[in-house]
Amino acid sequence: MGVSEPLAPGCLVEARVIGIMKFEDGGEIDDKIIAVLNDDKRMDHITSLADFGEHIKKETAHYWENYKNLKKPGTCKVLGFFDKEEAIKVIKECEERYKDTYLKKFE
């Protein structure tokens, strides 16, 4: 969050994870990691979800719950916002799943 210009798809940036938004899209888990650019001085004060405030969470939830409404109304649901520790736990689970399901195909 807080990027003032769009990032190109597939680019790599150094980011600081601050939380996760648990999300369901069409009945499937599609969690969203929340992070800020690590070297952006405008984001130095943001170290947790609490630093964003409740309004940013409401805006974010509203966007994600409604972005598919023209195509498939009511298919997306925000399940809550969680701290950095939960985000890192989910990232590690994804890393393991990647190793177990994707990398093994190339062994």
Protein backbone atom coordinates (compact mmCIF):
# COMPACT_ATOMS: atom_id res chain seq x y z
CA MET A 1 0.00 0.00 0.00
CA GLY A 2 1.06 3.59 -0.39
CA VAL A 3 2.71 3.20 -3.78
CA SER A 4 2.30 6.52 -5.58
CA GLU A 5 2.96 5.04 -9.03
CA PRO A 6 1.89 1.66 -10.40
CA LEU A 7 4.35 -1.21 -10.14
CA ALA A 8 4.89 -3.31 -13.25
CA PRO A 9 3.48 -6.85 -13.03
CA GLY A 10 6.17 -9.33 -12.05
CA CYS A 11 8.57 -6.76 -10.66
CA LEU A 12 10.36 -7.42 -7.40
CA VAL A 13 10.43 -4.90 -4.57
CA GLU A 14 11.68 -5.05 -1.01
CA ALA A 15 8.57 -4.89 1.13
CA ARG A 16 7.78 -4.91 4.84
CA VAL A 17 4.91 -7.26 5.69
CA ILE A 18 2.49 -5.71 8.17
CA GLY A 19 -0.51 -8.01 8.03
CA ILE A 20 -2.96 -10.09 6.04
CA MET A 21 -6.53 -9.77 4.90
CA LYS A 22 -8.20 -13.20 4.94
CA PHE A 23 -10.36 -13.37 1.83
CA GLU A 24 -12.70 -15.77 0.06
CA ASP A 25 -13.24 -15.47 -3.69
CA GLY A 26 -15.89 -17.70 -5.23
CA GLY A 27 -15.61 -20.19 -2.39
CA GLU A 28 -11.80 -20.42 -2.58
CA ILE A 29 -9.26 -18.94 -0.17
CA ASP A 30 -7.51 -15.95 -1.74
CA ASP A 31 -5.79 -14.19 1.17
CA LYS A 32 -4.08 -10.84 0.58
CA ILE A 33 -0.73 -10.05 2.18
CA ILE A 34 -0.55 -6.39 3.22
CA ALA A 35 2.87 -4.79 2.91
CA VAL A 36 4.54 -1.44 2.34
CA LEU A 37 7.67 -0.62 0.39
CA ASN A 38 10.59 -1.05 2.76
CA ASP A 39 12.66 1.87 1.46
CA ASP A 40 9.81 4.39 1.05
CA LYS A 41 10.42 7.08 3.68
CA ARG A 42 6.71 7.99 3.59
CA MET A 43 5.99 4.51 4.98
CA ASP A 44 8.64 4.42 7.75
CA HIS A 45 5.98 4.94 10.43
CA ILE A 46 3.88 1.98 9.26
CA THR A 47 4.93 -1.17 11.08
CA SER A 48 1.55 -2.78 11.80
CA LEU A 49 -2.06 -2.76 10.60
CA ALA A 50 -2.93 -0.44 13.49
CA ASP A 51 -0.82 2.26 11.83
CA PHE A 52 -3.24 2.33 8.87
CA GLY A 53 -6.32 2.97 10.96
CA GLU A 54 -9.81 1.57 10.64
CA HIS A 55 -10.88 3.65 7.64
CA ILE A 56 -8.17 2.18 5.38
CA LYS A 57 -9.31 -1.31 6.41
CA LYS A 58 -12.92 -0.41 5.55
CA GLU A 59 -11.90 1.00 2.14
CA THR A 60 -9.80 -2.08 1.40
CA ALA A 61 -12.54 -4.50 2.45
CA HIS A 62 -15.12 -2.59 0.41
CA TYR A 63 -12.96 -2.71 -2.72
CA TRP A 64 -12.23 -6.44 -2.49
CA GLU A 65 -15.81 -7.41 -1.62
CA ASN A 66 -17.18 -5.46 -4.58
CA TYR A 67 -14.61 -5.59 -7.38
CA LYS A 68 -16.31 -8.51 -9.13
CA ASN A 69 -19.89 -7.35 -8.65
CA LEU A 70 -20.51 -6.61 -12.34
CA LYS A 71 -19.42 -10.12 -13.33
CA LYS A 72 -20.33 -12.30 -10.32
CA PRO A 73 -22.15 -10.37 -7.58
CA GLY A 74 -21.65 -11.51 -3.99
CA THR A 75 -18.85 -13.98 -4.70
CA CYS A 76 -16.16 -12.26 -2.61
CA LYS A 77 -16.02 -11.98 1.16
CA VAL A 78 -13.47 -10.44 3.54
CA LEU A 79 -13.01 -12.74 6.52
CA GLY A 80 -10.96 -10.30 8.61
CA PHE A 81 -7.65 -8.53 9.05
CA PHE A 82 -4.81 -10.15 10.99
CA ASP A 83 -1.35 -9.17 12.23
CA LYS A 84 2.13 -9.64 10.79
CA GLU A 85 2.65 -12.95 12.59
CA GLU A 86 -0.39 -14.47 10.88
CA ALA A 87 0.76 -13.10 7.52
CA ILE A 88 4.21 -14.66 7.92
CA LYS A 89 2.61 -17.97 8.96
CA VAL A 90 0.51 -17.97 5.75
CA ILE A 91 3.56 -17.02 3.63
CA LYS A 92 5.51 -19.95 5.09
CA GLU A 93 2.60 -22.32 4.44
CA CYS A 94 2.51 -21.12 0.83
CA GLU A 95 6.26 -21.66 0.48
CA GLU A 96 5.87 -25.26 1.69
CA ARG A 97 2.91 -25.88 -0.60
CA TYR A 98 4.94 -24.50 -3.52
CA LYS A 99 7.84 -26.83 -2.70
CA ASP A 100 5.56 -29.84 -2.26
CA THR A 101 3.31 -29.38 -5.28
CA TYR A 102 5.16 -27.33 -7.88
CA LEU A 103 8.88 -27.95 -7.48
CA LYS A 104 8.45 -31.71 -7.21
CA LYS A 105 7.13 -31.72 -10.78
CA PHE A 106 10.59 -30.68 -11.96
CA GLU A 107 12.67 -33.18 -9.98
